[in-house]
Amino acid sequence: MPPLVTLPPSDRDARRIRWSRVVSYVLVVLAAVVFSLRPALFGDPQTQPAHALLHVWRIVLGIVLVLAAAAVQIAVGVRWRRDLRRRADED
């Protein structure tokens, strides 16, 4: 396996990396908003039987959003590294 050559990212890679960061930040902010929601905002817990489910679903949705943000970063990183190797092999 040849050593990785440090090449600056192409313009296309730079745009992809920038957009992945924006998407990741938005997903993490949405997760923070979902985690901060309190079921008490939606009414009295004694009168709503689905109130306990709201606790579970906001946690599940928050975790899914955080995992999606991480998946975006991983996918872009893998693609960038693959393109970097391809460009190094061409040189």
N, C-alpha and C. Protein backbone atom coordinates (compact mmCIF):
# COMPACT_ATOMS: atom_id res chain seq x y z
N MET A 1 0.85 -1.17 0.00
CA MET A 1 0.00 0.00 0.00
C MET A 1 0.90 1.24 0.00
N PRO A 2 0.72 2.13 -0.98
CA PRO A 2 1.57 3.32 -1.04
C PRO A 2 1.22 4.28 0.08
N PRO A 3 2.19 5.05 0.54
CA PRO A 3 1.89 6.02 1.60
C PRO A 3 0.96 7.10 1.07
N LEU A 4 0.13 7.62 1.97
CA LEU A 4 -0.78 8.68 1.58
C LEU A 4 -0.01 9.96 1.32
N VAL A 5 -0.29 10.58 0.23
CA VAL A 5 0.35 11.84 -0.13
C VAL A 5 -0.57 12.96 0.32
N THR A 6 -0.01 13.97 0.93
CA THR A 6 -0.83 15.08 1.38
C THR A 6 -1.08 16.01 0.21
N LEU A 7 -2.28 15.96 -0.30
CA LEU A 7 -2.70 16.82 -1.39
C LEU A 7 -3.81 17.71 -0.88
N PRO A 8 -3.85 18.94 -1.34
CA PRO A 8 -4.96 19.79 -0.92
C PRO A 8 -6.26 19.27 -1.53
N PRO A 9 -7.37 19.44 -0.82
CA PRO A 9 -8.62 18.96 -1.38
C PRO A 9 -8.98 19.74 -2.64
N SER A 10 -9.57 19.06 -3.58
CA SER A 10 -10.03 19.74 -4.79
C SER A 10 -11.20 20.64 -4.43
N ASP A 11 -11.58 21.49 -5.37
CA ASP A 11 -12.71 22.39 -5.11
C ASP A 11 -13.99 21.60 -4.84
N ARG A 12 -14.15 20.51 -5.58
CA ARG A 12 -15.33 19.68 -5.37
C ARG A 12 -15.31 19.03 -3.99
N ASP A 13 -14.14 18.55 -3.58
CA ASP A 13 -14.01 17.96 -2.24
C ASP A 13 -14.26 19.01 -1.17
N ALA A 14 -13.74 20.20 -1.37
CA ALA A 14 -13.92 21.26 -0.37
C ALA A 14 -15.39 21.61 -0.22
N ARG A 15 -16.11 21.69 -1.34
CA ARG A 15 -17.55 21.98 -1.26
C ARG A 15 -18.29 20.86 -0.56
N ARG A 16 -17.93 19.61 -0.88
CA ARG A 16 -18.58 18.46 -0.25
C ARG A 16 -18.33 18.46 1.26
N ILE A 17 -17.09 18.74 1.64
CA ILE A 17 -16.75 18.76 3.07
C ILE A 17 -17.50 19.88 3.78
N ARG A 18 -17.56 21.05 3.16
CA ARG A 18 -18.26 22.19 3.77
C ARG A 18 -19.75 21.87 3.95
N TRP A 19 -20.39 21.32 2.91
CA TRP A 19 -21.80 20.99 3.03
C TRP A 19 -22.05 19.88 4.04
N SER A 20 -21.14 18.93 4.14
CA SER A 20 -21.32 17.87 5.13
C SER A 20 -21.26 18.43 6.54
N ARG A 21 -20.39 19.40 6.75
CA ARG A 21 -20.34 20.04 8.07
C ARG A 21 -21.62 20.78 8.38
N VAL A 22 -22.15 21.50 7.39
CA VAL A 22 -23.40 22.23 7.60
C VAL A 22 -24.52 21.27 7.94
N VAL A 23 -24.63 20.20 7.16
CA VAL A 23 -25.69 19.21 7.40
C VAL A 23 -25.51 18.57 8.77
N SER A 24 -24.29 18.24 9.14
CA SER A 24 -24.04 17.63 10.44
C SER A 24 -24.40 18.58 11.58
N TYR A 25 -24.01 19.84 11.45
CA TYR A 25 -24.34 20.81 12.50
C TYR A 25 -25.85 20.96 12.64
N VAL A 26 -26.56 21.01 11.51
CA VAL A 26 -28.02 21.14 11.57
C VAL A 26 -28.63 19.92 12.25
N LEU A 27 -28.15 18.73 11.91
CA LEU A 27 -28.68 17.52 12.54
C LEU A 27 -28.40 17.49 14.04
N VAL A 28 -27.22 17.94 14.44
CA VAL A 28 -26.88 17.95 15.87
C VAL A 28 -27.73 18.99 16.60
N VAL A 29 -27.97 20.14 15.98
CA VAL A 29 -28.83 21.16 16.61
C VAL A 29 -30.25 20.63 16.73
N LEU A 30 -30.75 19.96 15.70
CA LEU A 30 -32.08 19.36 15.79
C LEU A 30 -32.14 18.32 16.91
N ALA A 31 -31.08 17.53 17.03
CA ALA A 31 -31.04 16.54 18.12
C ALA A 31 -31.07 17.23 19.47
N ALA A 32 -30.35 18.33 19.60
CA ALA A 32 -30.35 19.07 20.87
C ALA A 32 -31.74 19.61 21.18
N VAL A 33 -32.43 20.09 20.16
CA VAL A 33 -33.79 20.59 20.36
C VAL A 33 -34.71 19.45 20.78
N VAL A 34 -34.59 18.32 20.11
CA VAL A 34 -35.44 17.17 20.45
C VAL A 34 -35.15 16.69 21.86
N PHE A 35 -33.86 16.62 22.23
CA PHE A 35 -33.52 16.20 23.59
C PHE A 35 -34.02 17.18 24.64
N SER A 36 -34.09 18.46 24.28
CA SER A 36 -34.49 19.46 25.27
C SER A 36 -36.00 19.55 25.43
N LEU A 37 -36.76 18.95 24.52
CA LEU A 37 -38.21 18.96 24.67
C LEU A 37 -38.61 18.22 25.93
N ARG A 38 -39.46 18.82 26.67
CA ARG A 38 -39.97 18.19 27.88
C ARG A 38 -41.42 17.80 27.65
N PRO A 39 -41.78 16.59 27.97
CA PRO A 39 -43.16 16.14 27.75
C PRO A 39 -44.19 17.00 28.47
N ALA A 40 -43.80 17.70 29.51
CA ALA A 40 -44.73 18.57 30.22
C ALA A 40 -45.23 19.70 29.32
N LEU A 41 -44.50 20.01 28.28
CA LEU A 41 -44.93 21.04 27.34
C LEU A 41 -46.19 20.64 26.59
N PHE A 42 -46.47 19.34 26.53
CA PHE A 42 -47.59 18.85 25.74
C PHE A 42 -48.81 18.52 26.59
N GLY A 43 -48.85 19.00 27.80
CA GLY A 43 -50.03 18.80 28.62
C GLY A 43 -49.74 18.01 29.88
N ASP A 44 -50.79 17.80 30.65
CA ASP A 44 -50.69 17.10 31.92
C ASP A 44 -50.43 15.61 31.68
N PRO A 45 -49.37 15.07 32.30
CA PRO A 45 -49.06 13.65 32.07
C PRO A 45 -50.13 12.70 32.60
N GLN A 46 -50.92 13.13 33.56
CA GLN A 46 -51.95 12.26 34.11
C GLN A 46 -53.13 12.06 33.15
N THR A 47 -53.35 13.04 32.28
CA THR A 47 -54.50 12.94 31.37
C THR A 47 -54.12 12.36 30.02
N GLN A 48 -52.84 12.18 29.77
CA GLN A 48 -52.41 11.66 28.47
C GLN A 48 -51.66 10.34 28.66
N PRO A 49 -52.25 9.24 28.24
CA PRO A 49 -51.58 7.95 28.41
C PRO A 49 -50.33 7.81 27.53
N ALA A 50 -50.26 8.54 26.46
CA ALA A 50 -49.10 8.44 25.56
C ALA A 50 -47.94 9.30 26.04
N HIS A 51 -48.09 9.90 27.20
CA HIS A 51 -47.08 10.80 27.73
C HIS A 51 -45.74 10.09 27.95
N ALA A 52 -45.79 8.87 28.45
CA ALA A 52 -44.56 8.11 28.68
C ALA A 52 -43.86 7.78 27.37
N LEU A 53 -44.64 7.54 26.32
CA LEU A 53 -44.05 7.26 25.02
C LEU A 53 -43.29 8.46 24.47
N LEU A 54 -43.74 9.65 24.83
CA LEU A 54 -43.05 10.85 24.38
C LEU A 54 -41.63 10.90 24.94
N HIS A 55 -41.44 10.44 26.17
CA HIS A 55 -40.10 10.36 26.74
C HIS A 55 -39.22 9.46 25.88
N VAL A 56 -39.74 8.30 25.53
CA VAL A 56 -38.97 7.32 24.77
C VAL A 56 -38.70 7.82 23.35
N TRP A 57 -39.72 8.34 22.68
CA TRP A 57 -39.55 8.75 21.29
C TRP A 57 -38.63 9.94 21.12
N ARG A 58 -38.62 10.87 22.06
CA ARG A 58 -37.70 12.00 21.91
C ARG A 58 -36.26 11.54 22.09
N ILE A 59 -36.03 10.57 22.94
CA ILE A 59 -34.68 10.03 23.12
C ILE A 59 -34.26 9.27 21.87
N VAL A 60 -35.15 8.43 21.36
CA VAL A 60 -34.83 7.64 20.16
C VAL A 60 -34.58 8.57 18.97
N LEU A 61 -35.44 9.56 18.78
CA LEU A 61 -35.27 10.49 17.66
C LEU A 61 -33.98 11.29 17.81
N GLY A 62 -33.66 11.72 19.02
CA GLY A 62 -32.41 12.44 19.25
C GLY A 62 -31.19 11.60 18.93
N ILE A 63 -31.21 10.35 19.33
CA ILE A 63 -30.09 9.45 19.04
C ILE A 63 -29.97 9.20 17.54
N VAL A 64 -31.10 9.03 16.87
CA VAL A 64 -31.08 8.82 15.42
C VAL A 64 -30.50 10.04 14.71
N LEU A 65 -30.85 11.24 15.15
CA LEU A 65 -30.32 12.46 14.53
C LEU A 65 -28.81 12.58 14.75
N VAL A 66 -28.34 12.25 15.94
CA VAL A 66 -26.90 12.30 16.21
C VAL A 66 -26.16 11.26 15.37
N LEU A 67 -26.72 10.06 15.27
CA LEU A 67 -26.10 9.02 14.45
C LEU A 67 -26.10 9.40 12.96
N ALA A 68 -27.15 10.08 12.52
CA ALA A 68 -27.19 10.54 11.13
C ALA A 68 -26.10 11.58 10.88
N ALA A 69 -25.87 12.47 11.84
CA ALA A 69 -24.81 13.47 11.70
C ALA A 69 -23.45 12.78 11.61
N ALA A 70 -23.24 11.78 12.42
CA ALA A 70 -21.97 11.04 12.37
C ALA A 70 -21.85 10.27 11.05
N ALA A 71 -22.93 9.71 10.58
CA ALA A 71 -22.90 8.97 9.32
C ALA A 71 -22.56 9.88 8.14
N VAL A 72 -23.06 11.10 8.15
CA VAL A 72 -22.72 12.05 7.09
C VAL A 72 -21.23 12.32 7.10
N GLN A 73 -20.66 12.55 8.27
CA GLN A 73 -19.23 12.82 8.36
C GLN A 73 -18.40 11.62 7.92
N ILE A 74 -18.81 10.43 8.32
CA ILE A 74 -18.07 9.22 7.94
C ILE A 74 -18.15 9.00 6.44
N ALA A 75 -19.34 9.15 5.86
CA ALA A 75 -19.50 8.93 4.43
C ALA A 75 -18.65 9.90 3.62
N VAL A 76 -18.64 11.16 4.00
CA VAL A 76 -17.84 12.15 3.27
C VAL A 76 -16.36 11.88 3.48
N GLY A 77 -15.97 11.50 4.67
CA GLY A 77 -14.56 11.19 4.94
C GLY A 77 -14.06 10.00 4.14
N VAL A 78 -14.88 8.96 4.05
CA VAL A 78 -14.50 7.78 3.29
C VAL A 78 -14.38 8.12 1.81
N ARG A 79 -15.33 8.88 1.31
CA ARG A 79 -15.29 9.27 -0.11
C ARG A 79 -14.08 10.16 -0.40
N TRP A 80 -13.80 11.09 0.49
CA TRP A 80 -12.65 11.98 0.32
C TRP A 80 -11.35 11.19 0.31
N ARG A 81 -11.24 10.25 1.24
CA ARG A 81 -10.01 9.46 1.31
C ARG A 81 -9.84 8.58 0.07
N ARG A 82 -10.94 8.01 -0.41
CA ARG A 82 -10.89 7.21 -1.62
C ARG A 82 -10.45 8.06 -2.82
N ASP A 83 -11.01 9.26 -2.95
CA ASP A 83 -10.62 10.17 -4.02
C ASP A 83 -9.17 10.61 -3.88
N LEU A 84 -8.73 10.80 -2.64
CA LEU A 84 -7.34 11.19 -2.39
C LEU A 84 -6.39 10.09 -2.84
N ARG A 85 -6.73 8.85 -2.52
CA ARG A 85 -5.89 7.74 -2.96
C ARG A 85 -5.86 7.62 -4.48
N ARG A 86 -7.01 7.81 -5.10
CA ARG A 86 -7.08 7.74 -6.55
C ARG A 86 -6.21 8.83 -7.19
N ARG A 87 -6.27 10.03 -6.66
CA ARG A 87 -5.45 11.12 -7.20
C ARG A 87 -3.96 10.86 -6.97
N ALA A 88 -3.61 10.26 -5.84
CA ALA A 88 -2.21 9.96 -5.56
C ALA A 88 -1.70 8.88 -6.50
N ASP A 89 -2.55 7.91 -6.82
CA ASP A 89 -2.15 6.86 -7.74
C ASP A 89 -1.96 7.38 -9.16
N GLU A 90 -2.73 8.39 -9.52
CA GLU A 90 -2.62 8.96 -10.87
C GLU A 90 -1.32 9.75 -11.05
N ASP A 91 -0.79 10.31 -9.96
CA ASP A 91 0.42 11.13 -10.04
C ASP A 91 1.66 10.32 -10.12
